[in-house]
Amino acid sequence: MAAAVPTFIKRPDDYSYNSVGASGAVYAVLMVAVLLFPLMDLYMIFIPIPLKAFVMGPLMLVLENYLDKKGGGRVAHDAHLWGGLFGLVFIIAIKPQFILNFIEQIKFYLEGWL
C-alpha cells in the first residue's frame, strides 16, 4: 500500500496507469534485508557476479529511479522505489540501532580490504 500511495498522488486522473502487484512490498523486504545483512551476496538475473548487498541495494534504487523517470514500459518502477524506501524508513523507525549495525558491518568488511 505504501508503495502505491505516491503513484496515486502523482497520477490522480490517469486511469490507464496500472500499479498492481506485490513488487513494492518485495522491494521493501529486500531493502530491509540489505540493511540487516549488508554483507550477503546478491545476484542479478543473467549476471553471475555476486555483489554485496550494501552495493546492490543502492544500485537497484538508483536504477528504479532512472527507469521511472525514463518512463515507458508496463512496470511500476515508482512502486519499487517507494516500496524500498518505505522498508528502510519503517525498519529504522522500529529500531534505529540497525543503522549503527549496518555501518559497523561495512566498516569491518572494508577494514579487511585495507
PDB file of N, CA and C in Angstrom:
ATOM      1  N   MET A   1       0.815  -1.192   0.000  1.00  0.00           N
ATOM      2  CA  MET A   1       0.000   0.000   0.000  1.00  0.00           C
ATOM      3  C   MET A   1       0.861   1.259   0.000  1.00  0.00           C
ATOM      4  N   ALA A   2       1.896   1.276   0.853  1.00  0.00           N
ATOM      5  CA  ALA A   2       2.759   2.458   0.941  1.00  0.00           C
ATOM      6  C   ALA A   2       3.460   2.733  -0.379  1.00  0.00           C
ATOM      7  N   ALA A   3       3.740   1.690  -1.161  1.00  0.00           N
ATOM      8  CA  ALA A   3       4.412   1.871  -2.440  1.00  0.00           C
ATOM      9  C   ALA A   3       3.485   2.486  -3.487  1.00  0.00           C
ATOM     10  N   ALA A   4       2.184   2.295  -3.359  1.00  0.00           N
ATOM     11  CA  ALA A   4       1.236   2.788  -4.360  1.00  0.00           C
ATOM     12  C   ALA A   4       0.743   4.197  -4.079  1.00  0.00           C
ATOM     13  N   VAL A   5       0.810   4.643  -2.839  1.00  0.00           N
ATOM     14  CA  VAL A   5       0.284   5.967  -2.489  1.00  0.00           C
ATOM     15  C   VAL A   5       0.942   7.085  -3.300  1.00  0.00           C
ATOM     16  N   PRO A   6       2.282   7.131  -3.414  1.00  0.00           N
ATOM     17  CA  PRO A   6       2.887   8.195  -4.227  1.00  0.00           C
ATOM     18  C   PRO A   6       2.414   8.176  -5.674  1.00  0.00           C
ATOM     19  N   THR A   7       2.143   6.996  -6.209  1.00  0.00           N
ATOM     20  CA  THR A   7       1.645   6.904  -7.579  1.00  0.00           C
ATOM     21  C   THR A   7       0.254   7.505  -7.691  1.00  0.00           C
ATOM     22  N   PHE A   8      -0.595   7.236  -6.715  1.00  0.00           N
ATOM     23  CA  PHE A   8      -1.946   7.811  -6.733  1.00  0.00           C
ATOM     24  C   PHE A   8      -1.897   9.330  -6.619  1.00  0.00           C
ATOM     25  N   ILE A   9      -0.966   9.835  -5.851  1.00  0.00           N
ATOM     26  CA  ILE A   9      -0.819  11.290  -5.709  1.00  0.00           C
ATOM     27  C   ILE A   9      -0.280  11.893  -7.004  1.00  0.00           C
ATOM     28  N   LYS A  10       0.688  11.207  -7.617  1.00  0.00           N
ATOM     29  CA  LYS A  10       1.334  11.699  -8.840  1.00  0.00           C
ATOM     30  C   LYS A  10       0.406  11.623 -10.051  1.00  0.00           C
ATOM     31  N   ARG A  11      -0.457  10.612 -10.099  1.00  0.00           N
ATOM     32  CA  ARG A  11      -1.317  10.371 -11.274  1.00  0.00           C
ATOM     33  C   ARG A  11      -2.786  10.215 -10.853  1.00  0.00           C
ATOM     34  N   PRO A  12      -3.375  11.228 -10.236  1.00  0.00           N
ATOM     35  CA  PRO A  12      -4.729  11.047  -9.706  1.00  0.00           C
ATOM     36  C   PRO A  12      -5.798  10.810 -10.768  1.00  0.00           C
ATOM     37  N   ASP A  13      -5.589  11.299 -11.982  1.00  0.00           N
ATOM     38  CA  ASP A  13      -6.617  11.173 -13.017  1.00  0.00           C
ATOM     39  C   ASP A  13      -6.190  10.284 -14.181  1.00  0.00           C
ATOM     40  N   ASP A  14      -5.095   9.563 -14.031  1.00  0.00           N
ATOM     41  CA  ASP A  14      -4.601   8.695 -15.102  1.00  0.00           C
ATOM     42  C   ASP A  14      -5.141   7.285 -14.881  1.00  0.00           C
ATOM     43  N   TYR A  15      -6.304   7.024 -15.424  1.00  0.00           N
ATOM     44  CA  TYR A  15      -6.965   5.737 -15.218  1.00  0.00           C
ATOM     45  C   TYR A  15      -6.344   4.612 -16.040  1.00  0.00           C
ATOM     46  N   SER A  16      -5.481   4.959 -16.988  1.00  0.00           N
ATOM     47  CA  SER A  16      -4.847   3.929 -17.805  1.00  0.00           C
ATOM     48  C   SER A  16      -3.580   3.379 -17.157  1.00  0.00           C
ATOM     49  N   TYR A  17      -3.098   4.036 -16.100  1.00  0.00           N
ATOM     50  CA  TYR A  17      -1.865   3.593 -15.437  1.00  0.00           C
ATOM     51  C   TYR A  17      -2.174   2.481 -14.449  1.00  0.00           C
ATOM     52  N   ASN A  18      -1.461   1.379 -14.586  1.00  0.00           N
ATOM     53  CA  ASN A  18      -1.650   0.238 -13.691  1.00  0.00           C
ATOM     54  C   ASN A  18      -0.483   0.130 -12.726  1.00  0.00           C
ATOM     55  N   SER A  19      -0.792   0.012 -11.469  1.00  0.00           N
ATOM     56  CA  SER A  19       0.222  -0.222 -10.452  1.00  0.00           C
ATOM     57  C   SER A  19      -0.323  -1.317  -9.546  1.00  0.00           C
ATOM     58  N   VAL A  20      -0.265  -2.531 -10.060  1.00  0.00           N
ATOM     59  CA  VAL A  20      -0.873  -3.659  -9.372  1.00  0.00           C
ATOM     60  C   VAL A  20       0.202  -4.704  -9.090  1.00  0.00           C
ATOM     61  N   GLY A  21       0.147  -5.283  -7.916  1.00  0.00           N
ATOM     62  CA  GLY A  21       1.068  -6.359  -7.603  1.00  0.00           C
ATOM     63  C   GLY A  21       1.743  -6.157  -6.264  1.00  0.00           C
ATOM     64  N   ALA A  22       2.670  -7.043  -6.010  1.00  0.00           N
ATOM     65  CA  ALA A  22       3.348  -7.056  -4.717  1.00  0.00           C
ATOM     66  C   ALA A  22       4.800  -6.610  -4.817  1.00  0.00           C
ATOM     67  N   SER A  23       5.214  -6.104  -5.952  1.00  0.00           N
ATOM     68  CA  SER A  23       6.626  -5.792  -6.136  1.00  0.00           C
ATOM     69  C   SER A  23       7.113  -4.683  -5.207  1.00  0.00           C
ATOM     70  N   GLY A  24       6.265  -3.738  -4.873  1.00  0.00           N
ATOM     71  CA  GLY A  24       6.661  -2.703  -3.913  1.00  0.00           C
ATOM     72  C   GLY A  24       6.954  -3.305  -2.551  1.00  0.00           C
ATOM     73  N   ALA A  25       6.127  -4.252  -2.134  1.00  0.00           N
ATOM     74  CA  ALA A  25       6.349  -4.940  -0.855  1.00  0.00           C
ATOM     75  C   ALA A  25       7.606  -5.802  -0.915  1.00  0.00           C
ATOM     76  N   VAL A  26       7.852  -6.424  -2.063  1.00  0.00           N
ATOM     77  CA  VAL A  26       9.065  -7.231  -2.219  1.00  0.00           C
ATOM     78  C   VAL A  26      10.299  -6.335  -2.091  1.00  0.00           C
ATOM     79  N   TYR A  27      10.260  -5.175  -2.698  1.00  0.00           N
ATOM     80  CA  TYR A  27      11.373  -4.231  -2.571  1.00  0.00           C
ATOM     81  C   TYR A  27      11.545  -3.768  -1.125  1.00  0.00           C
ATOM     82  N   ALA A  28      10.455  -3.572  -0.417  1.00  0.00           N
ATOM     83  CA  ALA A  28      10.544  -3.186   0.999  1.00  0.00           C
ATOM     84  C   ALA A  28      11.279  -4.258   1.794  1.00  0.00           C
ATOM     85  N   VAL A  29      10.908  -5.506   1.588  1.00  0.00           N
ATOM     86  CA  VAL A  29      11.561  -6.610   2.293  1.00  0.00           C
ATOM     87  C   VAL A  29      13.027  -6.721   1.863  1.00  0.00           C
ATOM     88  N   LEU A  30      13.293  -6.544   0.585  1.00  0.00           N
ATOM     89  CA  LEU A  30      14.662  -6.619   0.089  1.00  0.00           C
ATOM     90  C   LEU A  30      15.542  -5.542   0.733  1.00  0.00           C
ATOM     91  N   MET A  31      15.041  -4.314   0.815  1.00  0.00           N
ATOM     92  CA  MET A  31      15.841  -3.233   1.393  1.00  0.00           C
ATOM     93  C   MET A  31      16.037  -3.418   2.902  1.00  0.00           C
ATOM     94  N   VAL A  32      15.070  -4.010   3.572  1.00  0.00           N
ATOM     95  CA  VAL A  32      15.254  -4.351   4.995  1.00  0.00           C
ATOM     96  C   VAL A  32      16.367  -5.388   5.123  1.00  0.00           C
ATOM     97  N   ALA A  33      16.359  -6.377   4.233  1.00  0.00           N
ATOM     98  CA  ALA A  33      17.411  -7.397   4.251  1.00  0.00           C
ATOM     99  C   ALA A  33      18.779  -6.772   3.979  1.00  0.00           C
ATOM    100  N   VAL A  34      18.835  -5.809   3.074  1.00  0.00           N
ATOM    101  CA  VAL A  34      20.096  -5.111   2.791  1.00  0.00           C
ATOM    102  C   VAL A  34      20.591  -4.392   4.046  1.00  0.00           C
ATOM    103  N   LEU A  35      19.692  -3.749   4.759  1.00  0.00           N
ATOM    104  CA  LEU A  35      20.083  -3.029   5.976  1.00  0.00           C
ATOM    105  C   LEU A  35      20.536  -3.992   7.072  1.00  0.00           C
ATOM    106  N   LEU A  36      19.848  -5.106   7.226  1.00  0.00           N
ATOM    107  CA  LEU A  36      20.180  -6.052   8.293  1.00  0.00           C
ATOM    108  C   LEU A  36      21.384  -6.934   7.957  1.00  0.00           C
ATOM    109  N   PHE A  37      21.541  -7.267   6.681  1.00  0.00           N
ATOM    110  CA  PHE A  37      22.602  -8.180   6.252  1.00  0.00           C
ATOM    111  C   PHE A  37      23.384  -7.577   5.084  1.00  0.00           C
ATOM    112  N   PRO A  38      24.082  -6.479   5.304  1.00  0.00           N
ATOM    113  CA  PRO A  38      24.733  -5.779   4.187  1.00  0.00           C
ATOM    114  C   PRO A  38      25.853  -6.560   3.513  1.00  0.00           C
ATOM    115  N   LEU A  39      26.343  -7.606   4.151  1.00  0.00           N
ATOM    116  CA  LEU A  39      27.455  -8.360   3.574  1.00  0.00           C
ATOM    117  C   LEU A  39      27.017  -9.606   2.820  1.00  0.00           C
ATOM    118  N   MET A  40      25.711  -9.853   2.743  1.00  0.00           N
ATOM    119  CA  MET A  40      25.266 -11.022   1.976  1.00  0.00           C
ATOM    120  C   MET A  40      25.475 -10.751   0.491  1.00  0.00           C
ATOM    121  N   ASP A  41      25.684 -11.814  -0.258  1.00  0.00           N
ATOM    122  CA  ASP A  41      25.859 -11.707  -1.704  1.00  0.00           C
ATOM    123  C   ASP A  41      24.496 -11.682  -2.383  1.00  0.00           C
ATOM    124  N   LEU A  42      24.339 -10.766  -3.326  1.00  0.00           N
ATOM    125  CA  LEU A  42      23.132 -10.689  -4.148  1.00  0.00           C
ATOM    126  C   LEU A  42      23.540 -10.805  -5.612  1.00  0.00           C
ATOM    127  N   TYR A  43      22.681 -11.403  -6.389  1.00  0.00           N
ATOM    128  CA  TYR A  43      22.924 -11.599  -7.823  1.00  0.00           C
ATOM    129  C   TYR A  43      21.790 -10.967  -8.617  1.00  0.00           C
ATOM    130  N   MET A  44      22.115 -10.485  -9.787  1.00  0.00           N
ATOM    131  CA  MET A  44      21.097 -10.058 -10.750  1.00  0.00           C
ATOM    132  C   MET A  44      20.895 -11.227 -11.713  1.00  0.00           C
ATOM    133  N   ILE A  45      19.683 -11.388 -12.181  1.00  0.00           N
ATOM    134  CA  ILE A  45      19.415 -12.457 -13.147  1.00  0.00           C
ATOM    135  C   ILE A  45      20.301 -12.254 -14.376  1.00  0.00           C
ATOM    136  N   PHE A  46      20.876 -13.326 -14.851  1.00  0.00           N
ATOM    137  CA  PHE A  46      21.723 -13.365 -16.037  1.00  0.00           C
ATOM    138  C   PHE A  46      23.115 -12.754 -15.829  1.00  0.00           C
ATOM    139  N   ILE A  47      23.407 -12.260 -14.638  1.00  0.00           N
ATOM    140  CA  ILE A  47      24.747 -11.753 -14.345  1.00  0.00           C
ATOM    141  C   ILE A  47      25.285 -12.569 -13.176  1.00  0.00           C
ATOM    142  N   PRO A  48      26.155 -13.533 -13.446  1.00  0.00           N
ATOM    143  CA  PRO A  48      26.584 -14.456 -12.393  1.00  0.00           C
ATOM    144  C   PRO A  48      27.699 -13.909 -11.491  1.00  0.00           C
ATOM    145  N   ILE A  49      27.703 -12.621 -11.283  1.00  0.00           N
ATOM    146  CA  ILE A  49      28.714 -12.000 -10.435  1.00  0.00           C
ATOM    147  C   ILE A  49      28.033 -11.493  -9.167  1.00  0.00           C
ATOM    148  N   PRO A  50      28.448 -12.003  -8.002  1.00  0.00           N
ATOM    149  CA  PRO A  50      27.811 -11.538  -6.770  1.00  0.00           C
ATOM    150  C   PRO A  50      28.274 -10.139  -6.396  1.00  0.00           C
ATOM    151  N   LEU A  51      27.363  -9.360  -5.863  1.00  0.00           N
ATOM    152  CA  LEU A  51      27.686  -8.059  -5.278  1.00  0.00           C
ATOM    153  C   LEU A  51      27.195  -8.069  -3.849  1.00  0.00           C
ATOM    154  N   LYS A  52      27.921  -7.405  -2.980  1.00  0.00           N
ATOM    155  CA  LYS A  52      27.484  -7.292  -1.598  1.00  0.00           C
ATOM    156  C   LYS A  52      26.188  -6.479  -1.560  1.00  0.00           C
ATOM    157  N   ALA A  53      25.342  -6.804  -0.623  1.00  0.00           N
ATOM    158  CA  ALA A  53      24.030  -6.157  -0.522  1.00  0.00           C
ATOM    159  C   ALA A  53      24.153  -4.645  -0.350  1.00  0.00           C
ATOM    160  N   PHE A  54      25.169  -4.191   0.392  1.00  0.00           N
ATOM    161  CA  PHE A  54      25.295  -2.743   0.611  1.00  0.00           C
ATOM    162  C   PHE A  54      25.680  -2.005  -0.666  1.00  0.00           C
ATOM    163  N   VAL A  55      26.135  -2.731  -1.684  1.00  0.00           N
ATOM    164  CA  VAL A  55      26.400  -2.139  -3.004  1.00  0.00           C
ATOM    165  C   VAL A  55      25.170  -2.302  -3.897  1.00  0.00           C
ATOM    166  N   MET A  56      24.617  -3.503  -3.929  1.00  0.00           N
ATOM    167  CA  MET A  56      23.498  -3.810  -4.813  1.00  0.00           C
ATOM    168  C   MET A  56      22.228  -3.035  -4.447  1.00  0.00           C
ATOM    169  N   GLY A  57      21.936  -2.906  -3.158  1.00  0.00           N
ATOM    170  CA  GLY A  57      20.717  -2.221  -2.728  1.00  0.00           C
ATOM    171  C   GLY A  57      20.601  -0.805  -3.283  1.00  0.00           C
ATOM    172  N   PRO A  58      21.603   0.053  -3.016  1.00  0.00           N
ATOM    173  CA  PRO A  58      21.527   1.408  -3.585  1.00  0.00           C
ATOM    174  C   PRO A  58      21.513   1.419  -5.106  1.00  0.00           C
ATOM    175  N   LEU A  59      22.268   0.508  -5.737  1.00  0.00           N
ATOM    176  CA  LEU A  59      22.254   0.451  -7.204  1.00  0.00           C
ATOM    177  C   LEU A  59      20.858   0.150  -7.736  1.00  0.00           C
ATOM    178  N   MET A  60      20.163  -0.749  -7.064  1.00  0.00           N
ATOM    179  CA  MET A  60      18.806  -1.093  -7.501  1.00  0.00           C
ATOM    180  C   MET A  60      17.860   0.095  -7.347  1.00  0.00           C
ATOM    181  N   LEU A  61      17.990   0.837  -6.261  1.00  0.00           N
ATOM    182  CA  LEU A  61      17.133   2.013  -6.062  1.00  0.00           C
ATOM    183  C   LEU A  61      17.440   3.089  -7.102  1.00  0.00           C
ATOM    184  N   VAL A  62      18.718   3.291  -7.396  1.00  0.00           N
ATOM    185  CA  VAL A  62      19.099   4.270  -8.426  1.00  0.00           C
ATOM    186  C   VAL A  62      18.554   3.835  -9.782  1.00  0.00           C
ATOM    187  N   LEU A  63      18.674   2.547 -10.092  1.00  0.00           N
ATOM    188  CA  LEU A  63      18.157   2.029 -11.363  1.00  0.00           C
ATOM    189  C   LEU A  63      16.641   2.217 -11.452  1.00  0.00           C
ATOM    190  N   GLU A  64      15.925   1.902 -10.391  1.00  0.00           N
ATOM    191  CA  GLU A  64      14.466   2.075 -10.409  1.00  0.00           C
ATOM    192  C   GLU A  64      14.091   3.544 -10.581  1.00  0.00           C
ATOM    193  N   ASN A  65      14.833   4.434  -9.944  1.00  0.00           N
ATOM    194  CA  ASN A  65      14.572   5.869 -10.094  1.00  0.00           C
ATOM    195  C   ASN A  65      14.796   6.299 -11.549  1.00  0.00           C
ATOM    196  N   TYR A  66      15.883   5.831 -12.145  1.00  0.00           N
ATOM    197  CA  TYR A  66      16.170   6.152 -13.546  1.00  0.00           C
ATOM    198  C   TYR A  66      15.063   5.624 -14.464  1.00  0.00           C
ATOM    199  N   LEU A  67      14.702   4.362 -14.279  1.00  0.00           N
ATOM    200  CA  LEU A  67      13.680   3.766 -15.145  1.00  0.00           C
ATOM    201  C   LEU A  67      12.321   4.430 -14.960  1.00  0.00           C
ATOM    202  N   ASP A  68      12.028   4.889 -13.735  1.00  0.00           N
ATOM    203  CA  ASP A  68      10.772   5.605 -13.505  1.00  0.00           C
ATOM    204  C   ASP A  68      10.765   6.928 -14.263  1.00  0.00           C
ATOM    205  N   LYS A  69      11.871   7.649 -14.201  1.00  0.00           N
ATOM    206  CA  LYS A  69      11.948   8.939 -14.894  1.00  0.00           C
ATOM    207  C   LYS A  69      11.966   8.765 -16.415  1.00  0.00           C
ATOM    208  N   LYS A  70      12.574   7.668 -16.884  1.00  0.00           N
ATOM    209  CA  LYS A  70      12.615   7.394 -18.318  1.00  0.00           C
ATOM    210  C   LYS A  70      11.219   7.124 -18.862  1.00  0.00           C
ATOM    211  N   GLY A  71      10.416   6.407 -18.073  1.00  0.00           N
ATOM    212  CA  GLY A  71       9.045   6.116 -18.493  1.00  0.00           C
ATOM    213  C   GLY A  71       8.984   5.015 -19.531  1.00  0.00           C
ATOM    214  N   GLY A  72       7.786   4.772 -19.983  1.00  0.00           N
ATOM    215  CA  GLY A  72       7.575   3.709 -20.960  1.00  0.00           C
ATOM    216  C   GLY A  72       7.503   2.359 -20.266  1.00  0.00           C
ATOM    217  N   GLY A  73       7.149   1.367 -21.002  1.00  0.00           N
ATOM    218  CA  GLY A  73       7.056   0.029 -20.436  1.00  0.00           C
ATOM    219  C   GLY A  73       5.818  -0.122 -19.571  1.00  0.00           C
ATOM    220  N   ARG A  74       5.687  -1.294 -19.007  1.00  0.00           N
ATOM    221  CA  ARG A  74       4.498  -1.573 -18.200  1.00  0.00           C
ATOM    222  C   ARG A  74       4.877  -1.995 -16.784  1.00  0.00           C
ATOM    223  N   VAL A  75       5.992  -1.461 -16.290  1.00  0.00           N
ATOM    224  CA  VAL A  75       6.450  -1.773 -14.946  1.00  0.00           C
ATOM    225  C   VAL A  75       6.335  -0.520 -14.092  1.00  0.00           C
ATOM    226  N   ALA A  76       5.786  -0.674 -12.906  1.00  0.00           N
ATOM    227  CA  ALA A  76       5.618   0.464 -11.989  1.00  0.00           C
ATOM    228  C   ALA A  76       6.910   0.656 -11.186  1.00  0.00           C
ATOM    229  N   HIS A  77       7.890   1.243 -11.832  1.00  0.00           N
ATOM    230  CA  HIS A  77       9.184   1.437 -11.174  1.00  0.00           C
ATOM    231  C   HIS A  77       9.064   2.343  -9.958  1.00  0.00           C
ATOM    232  N   ASP A  78       8.130   3.263  -9.989  1.00  0.00           N
ATOM    233  CA  ASP A  78       7.941   4.128  -8.817  1.00  0.00           C
ATOM    234  C   ASP A  78       7.479   3.326  -7.603  1.00  0.00           C
ATOM    235  N   ALA A  79       6.706   2.279  -7.819  1.00  0.00           N
ATOM    236  CA  ALA A  79       6.275   1.422  -6.711  1.00  0.00           C
ATOM    237  C   ALA A  79       7.473   0.678  -6.123  1.00  0.00           C
ATOM    238  N   HIS A  80       8.394   0.267  -6.961  1.00  0.00           N
ATOM    239  CA  HIS A  80       9.602  -0.393  -6.472  1.00  0.00           C
ATOM    240  C   HIS A  80      10.417   0.579  -5.621  1.00  0.00           C
ATOM    241  N   LEU A  81      10.605   1.766  -6.159  1.00  0.00           N
ATOM    242  CA  LEU A  81      11.399   2.785  -5.457  1.00  0.00           C
ATOM    243  C   LEU A  81      10.778   3.136  -4.110  1.00  0.00           C
ATOM    244  N   TRP A  82       9.497   3.465  -4.104  1.00  0.00           N
ATOM    245  CA  TRP A  82       8.839   3.869  -2.863  1.00  0.00           C
ATOM    246  C   TRP A  82       8.684   2.704  -1.902  1.00  0.00           C
ATOM    247  N   GLY A  83       8.487   1.510  -2.421  1.00  0.00           N
ATOM    248  CA  GLY A  83       8.425   0.332  -1.549  1.00  0.00           C
ATOM    249  C   GLY A  83       9.742   0.115  -0.832  1.00  0.00           C
ATOM    250  N   GLY A  84      10.848   0.210  -1.575  1.00  0.00           N
ATOM    251  CA  GLY A  84      12.165   0.058  -0.975  1.00  0.00           C
ATOM    252  C   GLY A  84      12.450   1.121   0.066  1.00  0.00           C
ATOM    253  N   LEU A  85      12.118   2.356  -0.254  1.00  0.00           N
ATOM    254  CA  LEU A  85      12.340   3.457   0.704  1.00  0.00           C
ATOM    255  C   LEU A  85      11.453   3.294   1.936  1.00  0.00           C
ATOM    256  N   PHE A  86      10.218   2.851   1.732  1.00  0.00           N
ATOM    257  CA  PHE A  86       9.336   2.609   2.867  1.00  0.00           C
ATOM    258  C   PHE A  86       9.920   1.533   3.784  1.00  0.00           C
ATOM    259  N   GLY A  87      10.439   0.463   3.208  1.00  0.00           N
ATOM    260  CA  GLY A  87      11.033  -0.604   4.012  1.00  0.00           C
ATOM    261  C   GLY A  87      12.164  -0.083   4.879  1.00  0.00           C
ATOM    262  N   LEU A  88      13.018   0.761   4.304  1.00  0.00           N
ATOM    263  CA  LEU A  88      14.127   1.325   5.075  1.00  0.00           C
ATOM    264  C   LEU A  88      13.633   2.233   6.195  1.00  0.00           C
ATOM    265  N   VAL A  89      12.725   3.124   5.866  1.00  0.00           N
ATOM    266  CA  VAL A  89      12.199   4.045   6.886  1.00  0.00           C
ATOM    267  C   VAL A  89      11.482   3.280   7.989  1.00  0.00           C
ATOM    268  N   PHE A  90      10.712   2.290   7.622  1.00  0.00           N
ATOM    269  CA  PHE A  90       9.950   1.510   8.593  1.00  0.00           C
ATOM    270  C   PHE A  90      10.869   0.790   9.577  1.00  0.00           C
ATOM    271  N   ILE A  91      11.870   0.088   9.070  1.00  0.00           N
ATOM    272  CA  ILE A  91      12.738  -0.689   9.958  1.00  0.00           C
ATOM    273  C   ILE A  91      13.601   0.225  10.819  1.00  0.00           C
ATOM    274  N   ILE A  92      14.015   1.366  10.279  1.00  0.00           N
ATOM    275  CA  ILE A  92      14.800   2.321  11.069  1.00  0.00           C
ATOM    276  C   ILE A  92      13.933   2.954  12.151  1.00  0.00           C
ATOM    277  N   ALA A  93      12.662   3.210  11.841  1.00  0.00           N
ATOM    278  CA  ALA A  93      11.751   3.771  12.842  1.00  0.00           C
ATOM    279  C   ALA A  93      11.514   2.781  13.981  1.00  0.00           C
ATOM    280  N   ILE A  94      11.473   1.497  13.649  1.00  0.00           N
ATOM    281  CA  ILE A  94      11.259   0.483  14.682  1.00  0.00           C
ATOM    282  C   ILE A  94      12.479   0.356  15.589  1.00  0.00           C
ATOM    283  N   LYS A  95      13.666   0.327  14.975  1.00  0.00           N
ATOM    284  CA  LYS A  95      14.888   0.162  15.769  1.00  0.00           C
ATOM    285  C   LYS A  95      16.035   0.915  15.090  1.00  0.00           C
ATOM    286  N   PRO A  96      16.267   2.165  15.485  1.00  0.00           N
ATOM    287  CA  PRO A  96      17.327   2.973  14.879  1.00  0.00           C
ATOM    288  C   PRO A  96      18.724   2.348  15.005  1.00  0.00           C
ATOM    289  N   GLN A  97      18.912   1.471  15.971  1.00  0.00           N
ATOM    290  CA  GLN A  97      20.198   0.798  16.161  1.00  0.00           C
ATOM    291  C   GLN A  97      20.640   0.039  14.907  1.00  0.00           C
ATOM    292  N   PHE A  98      19.694  -0.333  14.060  1.00  0.00           N
ATOM    293  CA  PHE A  98      20.039  -1.071  12.847  1.00  0.00           C
ATOM    294  C   PHE A  98      20.981  -0.275  11.943  1.00  0.00           C
ATOM    295  N   ILE A  99      20.886   1.044  11.966  1.00  0.00           N
ATOM    296  CA  ILE A  99      21.790   1.867  11.148  1.00  0.00           C
ATOM    297  C   ILE A  99      23.227   1.699  11.639  1.00  0.00           C
ATOM    298  N   LEU A 100      23.409   1.751  12.953  1.00  0.00           N
ATOM    299  CA  LEU A 100      24.755   1.591  13.508  1.00  0.00           C
ATOM    300  C   LEU A 100      25.309   0.202  13.219  1.00  0.00           C
ATOM    301  N   ASN A 101      24.470  -0.823  13.322  1.00  0.00           N
ATOM    302  CA  ASN A 101      24.906  -2.178  12.997  1.00  0.00           C
ATOM    303  C   ASN A 101      25.318  -2.285  11.528  1.00  0.00           C
ATOM    304  N   PHE A 102      24.552  -1.658  10.654  1.00  0.00           N
ATOM    305  CA  PHE A 102      24.850  -1.625   9.225  1.00  0.00           C
ATOM    306  C   PHE A 102      26.218  -0.999   8.983  1.00  0.00           C
ATOM    307  N   ILE A 103      26.448   0.157   9.580  1.00  0.00           N
ATOM    308  CA  ILE A 103      27.718   0.872   9.411  1.00  0.00           C
ATOM    309  C   ILE A 103      28.884   0.055   9.958  1.00  0.00           C
ATOM    310  N   GLU A 104      28.702  -0.548  11.124  1.00  0.00           N
ATOM    311  CA  GLU A 104      29.764  -1.357  11.732  1.00  0.00           C
ATOM    312  C   GLU A 104      30.130  -2.553  10.864  1.00  0.00           C
ATOM    313  N   GLN A 105      29.136  -3.219  10.287  1.00  0.00           N
ATOM    314  CA  GLN A 105      29.410  -4.370   9.437  1.00  0.00           C
ATOM    315  C   GLN A 105      30.202  -3.972   8.198  1.00  0.00           C
ATOM    316  N   ILE A 106      29.815  -2.858   7.589  1.00  0.00           N
ATOM    317  CA  ILE A 106      30.517  -2.387   6.393  1.00  0.00           C
ATOM    318  C   ILE A 106      31.931  -1.938   6.756  1.00  0.00           C
ATOM    319  N   LYS A 107      32.057  -1.236   7.865  1.00  0.00           N
ATOM    320  CA  LYS A 107      33.369  -0.771   8.318  1.00  0.00           C
ATOM    321  C   LYS A 107      34.305  -1.964   8.553  1.00  0.00           C
ATOM    322  N   PHE A 108      33.817  -2.992   9.241  1.00  0.00           N
ATOM    323  CA  PHE A 108      34.617  -4.183   9.499  1.00  0.00           C
ATOM    324  C   PHE A 108      35.019  -4.862   8.182  1.00  0.00           C
ATOM    325  N   TYR A 109      34.091  -4.932   7.249  1.00  0.00           N
ATOM    326  CA  TYR A 109      34.353  -5.552   5.947  1.00  0.00           C
ATOM    327  C   TYR A 109      35.430  -4.774   5.183  1.00  0.00           C
ATOM    328  N   LEU A 110      35.299  -3.458   5.142  1.00  0.00           N
ATOM    329  CA  LEU A 110      36.247  -2.632   4.389  1.00  0.00           C
ATOM    330  C   LEU A 110      37.632  -2.625   5.048  1.00  0.00           C
ATOM    331  N   GLU A 111      37.687  -2.716   6.357  1.00  0.00           N
ATOM    332  CA  GLU A 111      38.972  -2.793   7.043  1.00  0.00           C
ATOM    333  C   GLU A 111      39.726  -4.051   6.657  1.00  0.00           C
ATOM    334  N   GLY A 112      39.012  -5.105   6.327  1.00  0.00           N
ATOM    335  CA  GLY A 112      39.635  -6.340   5.869  1.00  0.00           C
ATOM    336  C   GLY A 112      40.308  -6.186   4.517  1.00  0.00           C
ATOM    337  N   TRP A 113      39.864  -5.215   3.741  1.00  0.00           N
ATOM    338  CA  TRP A 113      40.447  -4.949   2.425  1.00  0.00           C
ATOM    339  C   TRP A 113      41.693  -4.097   2.496  1.00  0.00           C
ATOM    340  N   LEU A 114      41.859  -3.372   3.602  1.00  0.00           N
ATOM    341  CA  LEU A 114      42.998  -2.448   3.716  1.00  0.00           C
ATOM    342  C   LEU A 114      44.192  -3.086   4.367  1.00  0.00           C
TER     343      LEU A 114
END
